[in-house]
C-alpha atoms as a PDB file:
ATOM      1  CA  MET A   1      18.562  51.179  -8.243  1.00  0.00           C
ATOM      2  CA  GLN A   2      19.227  48.253  -5.421  1.00  0.00           C
ATOM      3  CA  GLN A   3      22.835  46.733  -5.696  1.00  0.00           C
ATOM      4  CA  VAL A   4      22.363  42.822  -5.100  1.00  0.00           C
ATOM      5  CA  PHE A   5      25.796  41.743  -6.049  1.00  0.00           C
ATOM      6  CA  LYS A   6      28.926  43.310  -4.425  1.00  0.00           C
ATOM      7  CA  LYS A   7      32.810  42.658  -3.358  1.00  0.00           C
ATOM      8  CA  PRO A   8      32.482  40.581   0.319  1.00  0.00           C
ATOM      9  CA  VAL A   9      34.101  43.100   3.231  1.00  0.00           C
ATOM     10  CA  SER A  10      36.866  40.117   3.389  1.00  0.00           C
ATOM     11  CA  LEU A  11      38.202  40.674   0.154  1.00  0.00           C
ATOM     12  CA  LYS A  12      40.616  42.980  -0.991  1.00  0.00           C
ATOM     13  CA  ASP A  13      40.275  45.435  -3.871  1.00  0.00           C
ATOM     14  CA  VAL A  14      42.792  43.925  -5.811  1.00  0.00           C
ATOM     15  CA  GLN A  15      42.530  42.271  -9.363  1.00  0.00           C
ATOM     16  CA  THR A  16      43.808  38.489  -9.628  1.00  0.00           C
ATOM     17  CA  HIS A  17      46.626  37.125 -11.093  1.00  0.00           C
ATOM     18  CA  PHE A  18      45.481  33.689 -11.336  1.00  0.00           C
ATOM     19  CA  CYS A  19      45.347  31.889 -14.709  1.00  0.00           C
ATOM     20  CA  PRO A  20      41.998  32.570 -17.227  1.00  0.00           C
ATOM     21  CA  GLY A  21      40.104  29.702 -15.692  1.00  0.00           C
ATOM     22  CA  CYS A  22      41.028  29.153 -12.494  1.00  0.00           C
ATOM     23  CA  HIS A  23      39.121  28.358  -9.818  1.00  0.00           C
ATOM     24  CA  HIS A  24      41.441  29.837  -6.979  1.00  0.00           C
ATOM     25  CA  GLY A  25      39.497  33.273  -7.202  1.00  0.00           C
ATOM     26  CA  THR A  26      36.016  31.819  -7.335  1.00  0.00           C
ATOM     27  CA  PHE A  27      36.817  29.632  -3.979  1.00  0.00           C
ATOM     28  CA  HIS A  28      38.170  32.919  -2.085  1.00  0.00           C
ATOM     29  CA  ARG A  29      35.027  34.550  -2.521  1.00  0.00           C
ATOM     30  CA  LEU A  30      32.911  31.961  -0.941  1.00  0.00           C
ATOM     31  CA  VAL A  31      35.371  31.820   2.371  1.00  0.00           C
ATOM     32  CA  ALA A  32      35.581  35.229   2.141  1.00  0.00           C
ATOM     33  CA  GLU A  33      31.689  35.274   1.818  1.00  0.00           C
ATOM     34  CA  ALA A  34      31.334  32.809   5.075  1.00  0.00           C
ATOM     35  CA  MET A  35      33.461  35.084   6.851  1.00  0.00           C
ATOM     36  CA  ASP A  36      31.107  38.607   6.521  1.00  0.00           C
ATOM     37  CA  GLU A  37      28.488  36.257   7.307  1.00  0.00           C
ATOM     38  CA  PHE A  38      29.188  35.513  10.675  1.00  0.00           C
ATOM     39  CA  GLY A  39      31.070  38.711  11.120  1.00  0.00           C
ATOM     40  CA  VAL A  40      34.548  37.067  12.065  1.00  0.00           C
ATOM     41  CA  GLN A  41      36.755  39.115   9.742  1.00  0.00           C
ATOM     42  CA  LYS A  42      38.403  41.492  12.408  1.00  0.00           C
ATOM     43  CA  ARG A  43      39.602  38.217  14.197  1.00  0.00           C
ATOM     44  CA  THR A  44      40.176  36.073  11.667  1.00  0.00           C
ATOM     45  CA  ILE A  45      43.970  34.848  11.211  1.00  0.00           C
ATOM     46  CA  GLY A  46      44.524  32.603   7.583  1.00  0.00           C
ATOM     47  CA  VAL A  47      47.354  30.417   7.380  1.00  0.00           C
ATOM     48  CA  ALA A  48      48.870  29.796   3.640  1.00  0.00           C
ATOM     49  CA  SER A  49      51.263  27.318   2.967  1.00  0.00           C
ATOM     50  CA  VAL A  50      53.635  26.686  -0.552  1.00  0.00           C
ATOM     51  CA  GLY A  51      51.907  26.636  -3.994  1.00  0.00           C
ATOM     52  CA  CYS A  52      49.365  28.429  -5.665  1.00  0.00           C
ATOM     53  CA  SER A  53      47.426  28.352  -2.461  1.00  0.00           C
ATOM     54  CA  VAL A  54      50.210  31.230  -0.466  1.00  0.00           C
ATOM     55  CA  PHE A  55      48.859  34.546  -2.445  1.00  0.00           C
ATOM     56  CA  LEU A  56      46.371  34.211   0.333  1.00  0.00           C
ATOM     57  CA  TYR A  57      47.890  37.173   2.136  1.00  0.00           C
ATOM     58  CA  GLY A  58      47.178  39.225  -1.575  1.00  0.00           C
ATOM     59  CA  TYR A  59      43.464  38.993  -1.631  1.00  0.00           C
ATOM     60  CA  PHE A  60      42.212  38.641   1.893  1.00  0.00           C
ATOM     61  CA  ASP A  61      42.273  41.342   4.137  1.00  0.00           C
ATOM     62  CA  ILE A  62      42.654  39.346   7.149  1.00  0.00           C
ATOM     63  CA  ASP A  63      45.974  38.755   9.219  1.00  0.00           C
ATOM     64  CA  VAL A  64      47.753  35.560   7.339  1.00  0.00           C
ATOM     65  CA  VAL A  65      50.814  33.900   8.625  1.00  0.00           C
ATOM     66  CA  GLU A  66      53.051  32.170   6.209  1.00  0.00           C
ATOM     67  CA  ALA A  67      53.747  28.281   6.825  1.00  0.00           C
ATOM     68  CA  PRO A  68      56.499  26.064   5.552  1.00  0.00           C
ATOM     69  CA  HIS A  69      55.623  23.247   2.570  1.00  0.00           C
ATOM     70  CA  GLY A  70      52.796  21.263   4.474  1.00  0.00           C
ATOM     71  CA  ARG A  71      53.071  22.603   7.631  1.00  0.00           C
ATOM     72  CA  ALA A  72      49.921  24.878   7.927  1.00  0.00           C
ATOM     73  CA  PRO A  73      48.147  22.714  10.040  1.00  0.00           C
ATOM     74  CA  ALA A  74      50.873  22.595  12.068  1.00  0.00           C
ATOM     75  CA  VAL A  75      51.194  26.369  12.413  1.00  0.00           C
ATOM     76  CA  ALA A  76      47.156  26.891  12.469  1.00  0.00           C
ATOM     77  CA  THR A  77      47.390  24.662  15.574  1.00  0.00           C
ATOM     78  CA  GLY A  78      50.009  26.824  17.500  1.00  0.00           C
ATOM     79  CA  VAL A  79      47.965  29.966  16.245  1.00  0.00           C
ATOM     80  CA  LYS A  80      44.776  28.306  17.501  1.00  0.00           C
ATOM     81  CA  ARG A  81      46.152  27.586  20.970  1.00  0.00           C
ATOM     82  CA  ALA A  82      47.812  30.546  21.559  1.00  0.00           C
ATOM     83  CA  ARG A  83      44.928  32.846  20.397  1.00  0.00           C
ATOM     84  CA  PRO A  84      41.954  30.344  21.179  1.00  0.00           C
ATOM     85  CA  ASP A  85      39.432  33.543  20.492  1.00  0.00           C
ATOM     86  CA  ALA A  86      40.602  33.856  17.276  1.00  0.00           C
ATOM     87  CA  PHE A  87      38.839  32.209  13.617  1.00  0.00           C
ATOM     88  CA  VAL A  88      41.588  30.460  12.183  1.00  0.00           C
ATOM     89  CA  PHE A  89      41.637  28.510   8.969  1.00  0.00           C
ATOM     90  CA  THR A  90      44.661  27.233   6.554  1.00  0.00           C
ATOM     91  CA  TYR A  91      44.185  27.325   2.484  1.00  0.00           C
ATOM     92  CA  GLN A  92      46.191  24.591   0.963  1.00  0.00           C
ATOM     93  CA  GLY A  93      46.887  22.762  -2.427  1.00  0.00           C
ATOM     94  CA  ASP A  94      46.809  19.225  -3.068  1.00  0.00           C
ATOM     95  CA  GLY A  95      50.972  19.319  -3.464  1.00  0.00           C
ATOM     96  CA  ASP A  96      50.820  20.996  -0.142  1.00  0.00           C
ATOM     97  CA  LEU A  97      48.492  19.117   1.712  1.00  0.00           C
ATOM     98  CA  ALA A  98      48.343  15.755   0.445  1.00  0.00           C
ATOM     99  CA  ALA A  99      51.368  15.107  -0.242  1.00  0.00           C
ATOM    100  CA  ILE A 100      54.448  16.927   2.149  1.00  0.00           C
ATOM    101  CA  GLY A 101      51.854  17.574   4.611  1.00  0.00           C
ATOM    102  CA  THR A 102      50.300  14.199   4.798  1.00  0.00           C
ATOM    103  CA  SER A 103      51.343  14.130   8.779  1.00  0.00           C
ATOM    104  CA  GLU A 104      50.047  17.329   9.684  1.00  0.00           C
ATOM    105  CA  ILE A 105      46.708  17.063   8.202  1.00  0.00           C
ATOM    106  CA  ILE A 106      45.955  13.588   9.450  1.00  0.00           C
ATOM    107  CA  HIS A 107      47.293  14.758  13.042  1.00  0.00           C
ATOM    108  CA  ALA A 108      45.807  18.184  13.125  1.00  0.00           C
ATOM    109  CA  ALA A 109      42.314  16.401  12.382  1.00  0.00           C
ATOM    110  CA  ASN A 110      43.034  13.264  14.456  1.00  0.00           C
ATOM    111  CA  ARG A 111      43.472  15.953  17.524  1.00  0.00           C
ATOM    112  CA  GLY A 112      39.851  17.503  16.993  1.00  0.00           C
ATOM    113  CA  GLU A 113      41.737  20.441  16.404  1.00  0.00           C
ATOM    114  CA  ASP A 114      39.234  23.758  16.161  1.00  0.00           C
ATOM    115  CA  MET A 115      40.044  25.330  12.755  1.00  0.00           C
ATOM    116  CA  THR A 116      38.915  25.163   9.426  1.00  0.00           C
ATOM    117  CA  VAL A 117      40.937  23.486   6.196  1.00  0.00           C
ATOM    118  CA  ILE A 118      39.880  24.840   2.459  1.00  0.00           C
ATOM    119  CA  PHE A 119      41.792  22.042   0.406  1.00  0.00           C
ATOM    120  CA  VAL A 120      41.624  23.176  -2.922  1.00  0.00           C
ATOM    121  CA  ASN A 121      42.509  19.817  -5.168  1.00  0.00           C
ATOM    122  CA  ASN A 122      42.924  20.524  -9.251  1.00  0.00           C
ATOM    123  CA  THR A 123      45.295  16.827  -9.290  1.00  0.00           C
ATOM    124  CA  THR A 124      48.662  18.477  -9.798  1.00  0.00           C
ATOM    125  CA  TYR A 125      51.578  20.760  -8.394  1.00  0.00           C
ATOM    126  CA  GLY A 126      49.947  24.204 -10.403  1.00  0.00           C
ATOM    127  CA  MET A 127      52.890  26.417  -8.778  1.00  0.00           C
ATOM    128  CA  THR A 128      56.245  24.617  -9.709  1.00  0.00           C
ATOM    129  CA  GLY A 129      55.955  23.163 -12.601  1.00  0.00           C
ATOM    130  CA  GLY A 130      52.730  20.643 -13.245  1.00  0.00           C
ATOM    131  CA  GLN A 131      54.423  17.772 -11.156  1.00  0.00           C
ATOM    132  CA  MET A 132      52.027  14.684 -10.353  1.00  0.00           C
ATOM    133  CA  ALA A 133      50.280  14.745  -7.163  1.00  0.00           C
ATOM    134  CA  PRO A 134      48.594  12.261  -4.650  1.00  0.00           C
ATOM    135  CA  THR A 135      45.531  13.557  -6.382  1.00  0.00           C
ATOM    136  CA  THR A 136      46.669  13.341  -9.768  1.00  0.00           C
ATOM    137  CA  LEU A 137      43.743  10.765 -11.847  1.00  0.00           C
ATOM    138  CA  VAL A 138      45.304   7.620 -13.276  1.00  0.00           C
ATOM    139  CA  GLY A 139      46.352   7.917 -16.907  1.00  0.00           C
ATOM    140  CA  GLN A 140      46.520  11.738 -16.038  1.00  0.00           C
ATOM    141  CA  ARG A 141      49.775  13.226 -17.748  1.00  0.00           C
ATOM    142  CA  THR A 142      51.867  15.523 -16.181  1.00  0.00           C
ATOM    143  CA  SER A 143      55.592  17.009 -16.235  1.00  0.00           C
ATOM    144  CA  THR A 144      56.197  13.920 -14.044  1.00  0.00           C
ATOM    145  CA  SER A 145      54.048  11.006 -15.539  1.00  0.00           C
ATOM    146  CA  PRO A 146      54.412  12.087 -19.114  1.00  0.00           C
ATOM    147  CA  TYR A 147      52.946   9.066 -19.887  1.00  0.00           C
ATOM    148  CA  GLY A 148      49.987   8.742 -17.344  1.00  0.00           C
ATOM    149  CA  ARG A 149      49.961   8.029 -13.708  1.00  0.00           C
ATOM    150  CA  ASN A 150      50.463   4.372 -13.575  1.00  0.00           C
ATOM    151  CA  GLN A 151      48.284   2.692 -10.640  1.00  0.00           C
ATOM    152  CA  GLY A 152      50.690  -0.133 -10.507  1.00  0.00           C
ATOM    153  CA  LYS A 153      53.652   2.003  -9.969  1.00  0.00           C
ATOM    154  CA  ASP A 154      52.193   5.392  -8.181  1.00  0.00           C
ATOM    155  CA  GLY A 155      49.289   3.872  -6.280  1.00  0.00           C
ATOM    156  CA  ALA A 156      45.888   5.347  -6.977  1.00  0.00           C
ATOM    157  CA  PRO A 157      44.887   9.389  -6.353  1.00  0.00           C
ATOM    158  CA  ILE A 158      43.940   9.667  -2.444  1.00  0.00           C
ATOM    159  CA  ARG A 159      40.406  10.987  -1.677  1.00  0.00           C
ATOM    160  CA  MET A 160      41.322  13.551   1.388  1.00  0.00           C
ATOM    161  CA  ALA A 161      37.735  14.397   2.464  1.00  0.00           C
ATOM    162  CA  GLU A 162      36.964  10.320   2.968  1.00  0.00           C
ATOM    163  CA  LEU A 163      40.196   9.698   4.640  1.00  0.00           C
ATOM    164  CA  LEU A 164      39.612  12.333   6.827  1.00  0.00           C
ATOM    165  CA  ALA A 165      36.539  11.737   7.587  1.00  0.00           C
ATOM    166  CA  GLN A 166      37.142   8.148   9.601  1.00  0.00           C
ATOM    167  CA  LEU A 167      38.750  10.460  11.970  1.00  0.00           C
ATOM    168  CA  GLU A 168      37.583  10.832  15.545  1.00  0.00           C
ATOM    169  CA  GLY A 169      38.447  14.082  15.655  1.00  0.00           C
ATOM    170  CA  VAL A 170      36.918  15.338  12.590  1.00  0.00           C
ATOM    171  CA  ALA A 171      33.411  16.998  13.043  1.00  0.00           C
ATOM    172  CA  PHE A 172      32.380  17.819   9.574  1.00  0.00           C
ATOM    173  CA  SER A 173      34.264  17.104   6.034  1.00  0.00           C
ATOM    174  CA  ALA A 174      32.613  17.686   2.624  1.00  0.00           C
ATOM    175  CA  ARG A 175      33.913  17.770  -1.290  1.00  0.00           C
ATOM    176  CA  VAL A 176      32.637  21.089  -3.322  1.00  0.00           C
ATOM    177  CA  ALA A 177      33.216  21.835  -6.979  1.00  0.00           C
ATOM    178  CA  VAL A 178      32.122  25.635  -8.394  1.00  0.00           C
ATOM    179  CA  ASN A 179      32.123  23.871 -12.374  1.00  0.00           C
ATOM    180  CA  ASN A 180      28.320  25.261 -12.696  1.00  0.00           C
ATOM    181  CA  PRO A 181      25.473  27.287 -10.260  1.00  0.00           C
ATOM    182  CA  LYS A 182      23.991  23.995  -9.117  1.00  0.00           C
ATOM    183  CA  ASN A 183      27.833  22.798  -7.505  1.00  0.00           C
ATOM    184  CA  LEU A 184      28.800  26.501  -6.698  1.00  0.00           C
ATOM    185  CA  MET A 185      25.705  27.155  -4.739  1.00  0.00           C
ATOM    186  CA  ASP A 186      26.176  23.737  -2.338  1.00  0.00           C
ATOM    187  CA  ALA A 187      29.381  24.657  -2.024  1.00  0.00           C
ATOM    188  CA  LYS A 188      29.029  28.086  -0.513  1.00  0.00           C
ATOM    189  CA  ARG A 189      26.062  26.452   2.100  1.00  0.00           C
ATOM    190  CA  GLN A 190      29.358  23.534   2.980  1.00  0.00           C
ATOM    191  CA  ILE A 191      31.814  25.970   3.355  1.00  0.00           C
ATOM    192  CA  LYS A 192      29.537  28.372   5.406  1.00  0.00           C
ATOM    193  CA  LYS A 193      28.608  25.138   7.435  1.00  0.00           C
ATOM    194  CA  ALA A 194      32.760  24.637   8.001  1.00  0.00           C
ATOM    195  CA  PHE A 195      32.544  28.017   9.851  1.00  0.00           C
ATOM    196  CA  ARG A 196      29.820  27.791  11.875  1.00  0.00           C
ATOM    197  CA  TYR A 197      31.351  24.467  13.278  1.00  0.00           C
ATOM    198  CA  GLN A 198      34.617  26.142  14.478  1.00  0.00           C
ATOM    199  CA  ALA A 199      32.563  29.070  15.420  1.00  0.00           C
ATOM    200  CA  GLU A 200      30.269  26.782  17.685  1.00  0.00           C
ATOM    201  CA  GLY A 201      33.472  25.180  18.620  1.00  0.00           C
ATOM    202  CA  LYS A 202      32.835  21.417  17.604  1.00  0.00           C
ATOM    203  CA  GLY A 203      36.147  20.686  16.322  1.00  0.00           C
ATOM    204  CA  PHE A 204      38.101  19.958  13.121  1.00  0.00           C
ATOM    205  CA  SER A 205      36.304  20.526   9.646  1.00  0.00           C
ATOM    206  CA  PHE A 206      37.432  20.090   5.990  1.00  0.00           C
ATOM    207  CA  ILE A 207      36.428  21.538   2.855  1.00  0.00           C
ATOM    208  CA  GLU A 208      37.705  19.390  -0.155  1.00  0.00           C
ATOM    209  CA  ALA A 209      37.376  21.869  -2.905  1.00  0.00           C
ATOM    210  CA  LEU A 210      37.389  20.825  -6.810  1.00  0.00           C
ATOM    211  CA  SER A 211      39.538  23.108  -9.181  1.00  0.00           C
ATOM    212  CA  SER A 212      40.400  23.677 -12.590  1.00  0.00           C
ATOM    213  CA  CYS A 213      44.052  24.071 -13.643  1.00  0.00           C
ATOM    214  CA  PRO A 214      44.110  25.105 -17.442  1.00  0.00           C
ATOM    215  CA  THR A 215      47.578  25.891 -17.769  1.00  0.00           C
ATOM    216  CA  ASN A 216      48.869  22.797 -16.433  1.00  0.00           C
ATOM    217  CA  TRP A 217      46.447  20.549 -17.623  1.00  0.00           C
ATOM    218  CA  GLY A 218      47.396  21.736 -21.244  1.00  0.00           C
ATOM    219  CA  MET A 219      43.752  22.823 -21.833  1.00  0.00           C
ATOM    220  CA  ASP A 220      41.570  26.406 -22.414  1.00  0.00           C
ATOM    221  CA  PRO A 221      39.333  27.436 -19.336  1.00  0.00           C
ATOM    222  CA  ILE A 222      36.017  25.977 -20.706  1.00  0.00           C
ATOM    223  CA  LYS A 223      37.373  21.807 -21.637  1.00  0.00           C
ATOM    224  CA  ALA A 224      39.320  21.987 -17.695  1.00  0.00           C
ATOM    225  CA  ASN A 225      35.911  23.778 -16.159  1.00  0.00           C
ATOM    226  CA  GLU A 226      34.420  20.551 -18.019  1.00  0.00           C
ATOM    227  CA  ARG A 227      36.624  18.213 -16.961  1.00  0.00           C
ATOM    228  CA  VAL A 228      35.962  19.564 -13.349  1.00  0.00           C
ATOM    229  CA  GLY A 229      32.692  18.165 -13.539  1.00  0.00           C
ATOM    230  CA  THR A 230      33.487  14.885 -15.701  1.00  0.00           C
ATOM    231  CA  GLU A 231      36.275  13.244 -15.185  1.00  0.00           C
ATOM    232  CA  MET A 232      37.299  14.943 -11.460  1.00  0.00           C
ATOM    233  CA  CYS A 233      33.790  14.224  -9.797  1.00  0.00           C
ATOM    234  CA  ALA A 234      33.449  10.562 -11.209  1.00  0.00           C
ATOM    235  CA  TYR A 235      36.528   9.870  -9.116  1.00  0.00           C
ATOM    236  CA  PHE A 236      36.086  12.143  -6.384  1.00  0.00           C
ATOM    237  CA  PRO A 237      32.065  12.699  -5.887  1.00  0.00           C
ATOM    238  CA  LEU A 238      31.019  15.318  -4.093  1.00  0.00           C
ATOM    239  CA  GLY A 239      29.211  15.633  -1.066  1.00  0.00           C
ATOM    240  CA  VAL A 240      29.471  15.310   2.759  1.00  0.00           C
ATOM    241  CA  PHE A 241      31.325  12.419   3.990  1.00  0.00           C
ATOM    242  CA  LYS A 242      30.805  13.333   7.713  1.00  0.00           C
ATOM    243  CA  ASN A 243      28.587  15.367  10.017  1.00  0.00           C
ATOM    244  CA  ALA A 244      29.042  15.859  13.641  1.00  0.00           C
ATOM    245  CA  ALA A 245      25.087  17.281  13.519  1.00  0.00           C
ATOM    246  CA  ASP A 246      24.381  13.485  12.037  1.00  0.00           C
ATOM    247  CA  LEU A 247      26.123  11.600  14.664  1.00  0.00           C
END
């Protein structure tokens, strides 16, 4: 019998510890499949920051550097400049990248650093108690916004993929989701494209990945998955916002 589905070589054979219904594991698989396709596992260096994203080293069979909170793009810049032959990517959450790491991500993108950023947006600080993040939706209740996010007081949620697409150094910026088979297949294509752009030396590539967080949202996995496709996609539209090949 022919085997048509198997574990990517770039992933370790370990059991996941993520909460039931969390999309981190699915995005891990898509990233690992892209690594396998381009044959870059042996020369890949991942940079993980603080949050649920930090467990990168436990799942990927690659070298991983841990960065201080929000500083993954700065650390990745140093890694890539010291090892220009390496394939470098960061894996970050919204509380990490869009809050304390705003300066690092904007300036790394603006400089056109030859790296790939995987930004997992679940609209909350997933690891540290479900606090309000820069991407928390208006009206969304969190541990620090028990009455819901107030736009007049807290501002509007930040659309990072669109924001970074305005910068000259960005070669590719897209937003994806994995809440249904159609979106998952598109996410697979866009992640591979972002990796290909680094392999071709085209500069900075960015993938915003919409993810569920059933635990901090107070939902079961099915309801959380549905929320990604309705409420989240309504505010954070899926698509490609910059593609160097179109310029």
